[in-house]
Protein backbone atom coordinates (compact mmCIF):
# COMPACT_ATOMS: atom_id res chain seq x y z
CA UNK A 1 34.17 -25.47 -53.16
CA UNK A 2 33.81 -25.21 -56.92
CA UNK A 3 36.51 -26.75 -59.09
CA UNK A 4 35.09 -25.47 -62.37
CA UNK A 5 37.68 -23.79 -64.63
CA UNK A 6 34.97 -21.89 -66.49
CA UNK A 7 35.70 -18.26 -67.32
CA UNK A 8 32.67 -16.04 -67.03
CA UNK A 9 31.84 -13.15 -69.37
CA UNK A 10 29.68 -10.62 -67.59
CA UNK A 11 26.89 -8.25 -68.59
CA UNK A 12 27.23 -4.56 -67.81
CA UNK A 13 26.91 -4.07 -64.05
CA UNK A 14 24.66 -3.10 -62.45
CA UNK A 15 21.97 -4.58 -64.68
CA UNK A 16 18.29 -5.35 -64.42
CA UNK A 17 17.58 -8.95 -65.37
CA UNK A 18 14.10 -8.73 -66.88
CA UNK A 19 12.16 -11.88 -67.72
CA UNK A 20 10.06 -14.48 -65.92
CA UNK A 21 9.93 -16.74 -62.90
CA UNK A 22 8.22 -20.11 -63.22
CA UNK A 23 7.44 -23.04 -60.94
CA UNK A 24 6.25 -26.50 -61.88
CA UNK A 25 5.17 -28.90 -59.12
CA UNK A 26 4.77 -32.48 -60.30
CA UNK A 27 3.87 -34.49 -57.20
CA UNK A 28 1.77 -35.22 -55.20
CA UNK A 29 -0.27 -32.48 -56.93
CA UNK A 30 0.40 -30.81 -60.25
CA UNK A 31 0.61 -27.04 -60.10
CA UNK A 32 2.42 -24.63 -62.42
CA UNK A 33 2.72 -20.89 -62.99
CA UNK A 34 4.80 -18.29 -64.78
CA UNK A 35 4.96 -14.61 -63.80
CA UNK A 36 6.77 -11.57 -65.16
CA UNK A 37 9.80 -10.84 -63.04
CA UNK A 38 13.01 -8.88 -62.68
CA UNK A 39 16.02 -8.91 -60.39
CA UNK A 40 19.24 -6.95 -60.06
CA UNK A 41 22.66 -8.20 -61.12
CA UNK A 42 25.31 -6.22 -59.26
CA UNK A 43 28.90 -6.13 -58.10
CA UNK A 44 28.72 -6.22 -54.28
CA UNK A 45 31.57 -3.70 -54.15
CA UNK A 46 29.71 -1.25 -56.38
CA UNK A 47 26.03 -1.42 -55.46
CA UNK A 48 23.45 0.82 -57.19
CA UNK A 49 23.69 4.45 -56.10
CA UNK A 50 20.68 6.07 -57.73
CA UNK A 51 19.63 9.37 -56.22
CA UNK A 52 16.36 10.96 -55.22
CA UNK A 53 13.13 8.99 -55.65
CA UNK A 54 14.91 6.17 -57.49
CA UNK A 55 16.60 5.15 -54.24
CA UNK A 56 13.22 3.80 -53.13
CA UNK A 57 13.45 1.22 -55.95
CA UNK A 58 17.15 0.34 -55.94
CA UNK A 59 18.47 -0.22 -52.41
CA UNK A 60 20.38 -3.47 -51.80
CA UNK A 61 21.35 -3.71 -48.15
CA UNK A 62 23.56 -6.03 -46.10
CA UNK A 63 20.86 -6.47 -43.46
CA UNK A 64 18.76 -8.43 -45.97
CA UNK A 65 21.41 -11.07 -46.71
CA UNK A 66 23.63 -13.68 -45.09
CA UNK A 67 24.65 -12.56 -41.58
CA UNK A 68 23.03 -9.14 -41.96
CA UNK A 69 26.35 -7.28 -41.95
CA UNK A 70 26.66 -8.04 -38.24
CA UNK A 71 30.46 -8.07 -38.12
CA UNK A 72 31.13 -5.36 -40.70
CA UNK A 73 32.29 -5.32 -44.28
CA UNK A 74 28.80 -5.38 -45.75
CA UNK A 75 27.66 -8.23 -47.99
CA UNK A 76 31.21 -8.98 -49.08
CA UNK A 77 32.41 -9.21 -45.49
CA UNK A 78 29.67 -11.70 -44.65
CA UNK A 79 30.47 -13.74 -47.75
CA UNK A 80 34.20 -13.77 -46.99
CA UNK A 81 33.53 -15.13 -43.51
CA UNK A 82 31.00 -17.68 -44.77
CA UNK A 83 33.47 -19.02 -47.33
CA UNK A 84 36.42 -18.98 -44.92
CA UNK A 85 34.48 -21.12 -42.45
CA UNK A 86 34.11 -23.66 -45.28
CA UNK A 87 37.72 -23.64 -46.41
CA UNK A 88 37.46 -21.19 -49.33
CA UNK A 89 39.55 -18.02 -49.47
CA UNK A 90 37.98 -15.03 -51.21
CA UNK A 91 40.89 -12.94 -52.46
CA UNK A 92 40.90 -9.15 -52.25
CA UNK A 93 40.91 -8.77 -56.04
CA UNK A 94 38.15 -11.32 -56.61
CA UNK A 95 34.88 -9.93 -57.93
CA UNK A 96 31.55 -10.93 -56.39
CA UNK A 97 28.53 -10.74 -58.68
CA UNK A 98 25.15 -10.97 -56.97
CA UNK A 99 21.69 -11.73 -58.39
CA UNK A 100 19.05 -10.41 -55.99
CA UNK A 101 16.03 -8.23 -55.43
CA UNK A 102 16.42 -4.64 -54.32
CA UNK A 103 14.11 -3.05 -51.79
CA UNK A 104 11.01 -1.51 -53.37
CA UNK A 105 9.38 1.18 -51.22
CA UNK A 106 11.11 -0.29 -48.18
CA UNK A 107 10.14 -3.92 -48.75
CA UNK A 108 12.17 -6.86 -50.03
CA UNK A 109 11.68 -10.59 -50.16
CA UNK A 110 14.37 -12.58 -51.91
CA UNK A 111 13.46 -16.27 -52.31
CA UNK A 112 16.85 -16.92 -53.90
CA UNK A 113 20.03 -14.85 -54.06
CA UNK A 114 23.02 -16.11 -56.06
CA UNK A 115 26.64 -15.06 -55.56
CA UNK A 116 29.27 -15.78 -58.23
CA UNK A 117 32.80 -15.26 -56.86
CA UNK A 118 35.13 -14.63 -59.78
CA UNK A 119 38.92 -14.55 -59.91
CA UNK A 120 40.52 -11.61 -61.78
CA UNK A 121 40.84 -13.75 -64.94
CA UNK A 122 37.11 -14.55 -64.85
CA UNK A 123 37.39 -18.07 -63.45
CA UNK A 124 34.63 -19.10 -61.08
CA UNK A 125 36.21 -19.46 -57.64
CA UNK A 126 33.00 -20.20 -55.71
CA UNK A 127 29.24 -20.03 -56.06
CA UNK A 128 26.84 -19.53 -53.17
CA UNK A 129 23.04 -19.88 -53.11
CA UNK A 130 21.19 -18.02 -50.37
CA UNK A 131 17.61 -19.21 -49.86
CA UNK A 132 15.00 -17.30 -47.83
CA UNK A 133 11.68 -18.53 -46.51
CA UNK A 134 8.59 -16.61 -45.42
CA UNK A 135 9.38 -17.30 -41.75
CA UNK A 136 12.24 -14.79 -41.77
CA UNK A 137 14.95 -17.47 -42.00
CA UNK A 138 17.71 -18.00 -44.55
CA UNK A 139 20.25 -20.64 -45.47
CA UNK A 140 23.32 -20.53 -47.71
CA UNK A 141 24.63 -23.39 -49.83
CA UNK A 142 28.19 -23.53 -51.18
CA UNK A 143 27.85 -25.20 -54.58
CA UNK A 144 30.39 -27.32 -56.42
CA UNK A 145 29.67 -26.10 -59.96
CA UNK A 146 30.94 -28.08 -62.94
CA UNK A 147 32.14 -26.51 -66.22
CA UNK A 148 28.63 -26.73 -67.69
CA UNK A 149 27.20 -24.62 -64.85
CA UNK A 150 25.53 -27.52 -63.03
CA UNK A 151 25.66 -28.58 -59.39
CA UNK A 152 23.85 -30.81 -56.93
CA UNK A 153 23.45 -30.38 -53.18
CA UNK A 154 21.35 -31.92 -50.43
CA UNK A 155 18.32 -29.90 -49.37
CA UNK A 156 18.88 -28.67 -45.82
CA UNK A 157 16.38 -25.86 -45.31
CA UNK A 158 12.60 -25.65 -44.92
CA UNK A 159 11.30 -23.34 -47.63
CA UNK A 160 7.77 -24.34 -48.59
CA UNK A 161 5.27 -25.59 -45.97
CA UNK A 162 4.49 -28.39 -48.43
CA UNK A 163 8.04 -29.81 -48.56
CA UNK A 164 10.24 -31.00 -45.71
CA UNK A 165 14.04 -30.99 -45.90
CA UNK A 166 14.35 -34.32 -47.68
CA UNK A 167 15.75 -34.53 -51.17
CA UNK A 168 18.48 -33.06 -53.36
CA UNK A 169 18.65 -29.88 -55.41
CA UNK A 170 19.78 -30.04 -59.03
CA UNK A 171 21.01 -26.58 -60.02
CA UNK A 172 21.74 -25.13 -63.45
CA UNK A 173 23.27 -21.67 -63.95
CA UNK A 174 23.78 -19.37 -66.89
CA UNK A 175 25.50 -16.00 -66.51
CA UNK A 176 26.52 -14.14 -69.66
CA UNK A 177 25.81 -10.85 -71.45
CA UNK A 178 22.84 -12.33 -73.34
CA UNK A 179 20.94 -14.09 -70.56
CA UNK A 180 20.95 -14.91 -66.85
CA UNK A 181 19.14 -18.09 -65.82
CA UNK A 182 18.93 -20.02 -62.57
CA UNK A 183 17.06 -23.33 -62.49
CA UNK A 184 16.59 -25.36 -59.33
CA UNK A 185 14.98 -28.81 -59.37
CA UNK A 186 14.08 -30.75 -56.23
CA UNK A 187 14.63 -34.49 -56.60
CA UNK A 188 13.40 -37.04 -54.11
CA UNK A 189 13.65 -40.85 -54.36
CA UNK A 190 14.73 -40.60 -57.98
CA UNK A 191 11.78 -38.43 -59.05
CA UNK A 192 11.55 -34.70 -59.79
CA UNK A 193 9.20 -33.05 -57.26
CA UNK A 194 9.35 -29.51 -58.58
CA UNK A 195 11.35 -27.18 -60.79
CA UNK A 196 11.79 -23.43 -60.34
CA UNK A 197 13.40 -21.18 -62.96
CA UNK A 198 14.16 -17.50 -63.07
CA UNK A 199 15.44 -16.21 -66.39
CA UNK A 200 15.87 -12.88 -68.08
CA UNK A 201 17.87 -10.58 -70.29
CA UNK A 202 20.30 -8.24 -68.52
CA UNK A 203 19.85 -4.53 -69.28
CA UNK A 204 22.12 -1.78 -68.00
CA UNK A 205 20.46 -0.15 -64.99
CA UNK A 206 20.25 3.41 -66.26
CA UNK A 207 17.77 5.77 -64.61
CA UNK A 208 15.43 5.37 -67.59
CA UNK A 209 15.67 1.56 -67.44
CA UNK A 210 14.92 1.54 -63.71
CA UNK A 211 11.86 3.74 -64.12
CA UNK A 212 10.54 1.82 -67.12
CA UNK A 213 11.07 -1.59 -65.52
CA UNK A 214 9.50 -0.51 -62.24
CA UNK A 215 6.43 0.80 -64.07
CA UNK A 216 6.03 -2.44 -66.04
CA UNK A 217 6.51 -4.56 -62.91
CA UNK A 218 4.72 -2.53 -60.26
CA UNK A 219 5.75 -3.19 -56.65
CA UNK A 220 7.94 -6.14 -57.67
CA UNK A 221 8.99 -7.38 -54.25
CA UNK A 222 5.54 -6.82 -52.78
CA UNK A 223 4.13 -8.92 -55.62
CA UNK A 224 6.65 -11.69 -54.92
CA UNK A 225 5.54 -11.90 -51.29
CA UNK A 226 1.85 -11.80 -52.22
CA UNK A 227 2.10 -14.39 -55.00
CA UNK A 228 3.96 -16.87 -52.77
CA UNK A 229 1.07 -16.71 -50.31
CA UNK A 230 -1.62 -16.87 -53.00
CA UNK A 231 -0.14 -20.00 -54.55
CA UNK A 232 0.30 -21.48 -51.08
CA UNK A 233 -3.37 -20.92 -50.28
CA UNK A 234 -4.34 -22.59 -53.56
CA UNK A 235 -2.26 -25.67 -52.73
CA UNK A 236 -3.63 -25.78 -49.18
CA UNK A 237 -7.19 -25.55 -50.56
CA UNK A 238 -6.41 -28.59 -52.72
CA UNK A 239 -5.45 -30.42 -49.50
CA UNK A 240 -1.73 -30.69 -50.12
CA UNK A 241 -0.38 -31.76 -46.69
CA UNK A 242 1.50 -29.25 -44.54
CA UNK A 243 4.93 -30.48 -43.38
CA UNK A 244 6.17 -29.69 -39.85
CA UNK A 245 8.89 -27.06 -39.57
CA UNK A 246 11.83 -26.89 -37.18
CA UNK A 247 13.29 -23.40 -36.55
CA UNK A 248 16.51 -22.88 -38.51
CA UNK A 249 19.69 -21.56 -36.82
CA UNK A 250 21.45 -18.50 -38.24
CA UNK A 251 24.79 -20.32 -38.19
CA UNK A 252 24.08 -21.67 -41.66
CA UNK A 253 24.72 -18.22 -43.18
CA UNK A 254 27.85 -17.50 -41.12
């Protein structure tokens, strides 16, 4: 549970967060990239409702997150149950802000979804990271975020075939009207293994902004899935060892 007293000023919601995603791997091989990128920043109680063809670029659905909406209440219902099982009460007037990908032409892959749970006065009540892997699994972390937007948590989920579940995540968050940034570093034995950052400027998700952003970032979620595999093949070709994977139970998002 977060104890941070920070009050959060929000961009206009829903917004498109347009910027870049970058990864830097430091050991045992060096490998780095930066790609153009955008995500959605939304209130889970007021998801995008674009009509006509734009719906094919803007759908955010409960089935793609947490417990898949299995017990009702959509994304918020899943999040309420997840937090309650960990001793955190999400109040009815709390606002939940979500950073995620929307489906694009029916496809979505969301390596990282972030949920900020905000009290009516803007204080951060809880922050949840939801991590997906390419094996169709997901895991949620409840972060204890300090007033500077930083948190640490043990790694508990197999994401990359080149990293096991050893180590600790160092997380840094920025959420304000000027910029949204999420940085995750993986530390192991006192050394930084890799750093991943997604950052961008929030822009109100008008019809014109959605069309323009989609045209500049064609097939965004399809590209995310493809690029993950391309970079994986490159690392495999450089003989980076594959780590064994144990199937992950769904209970970690419930």
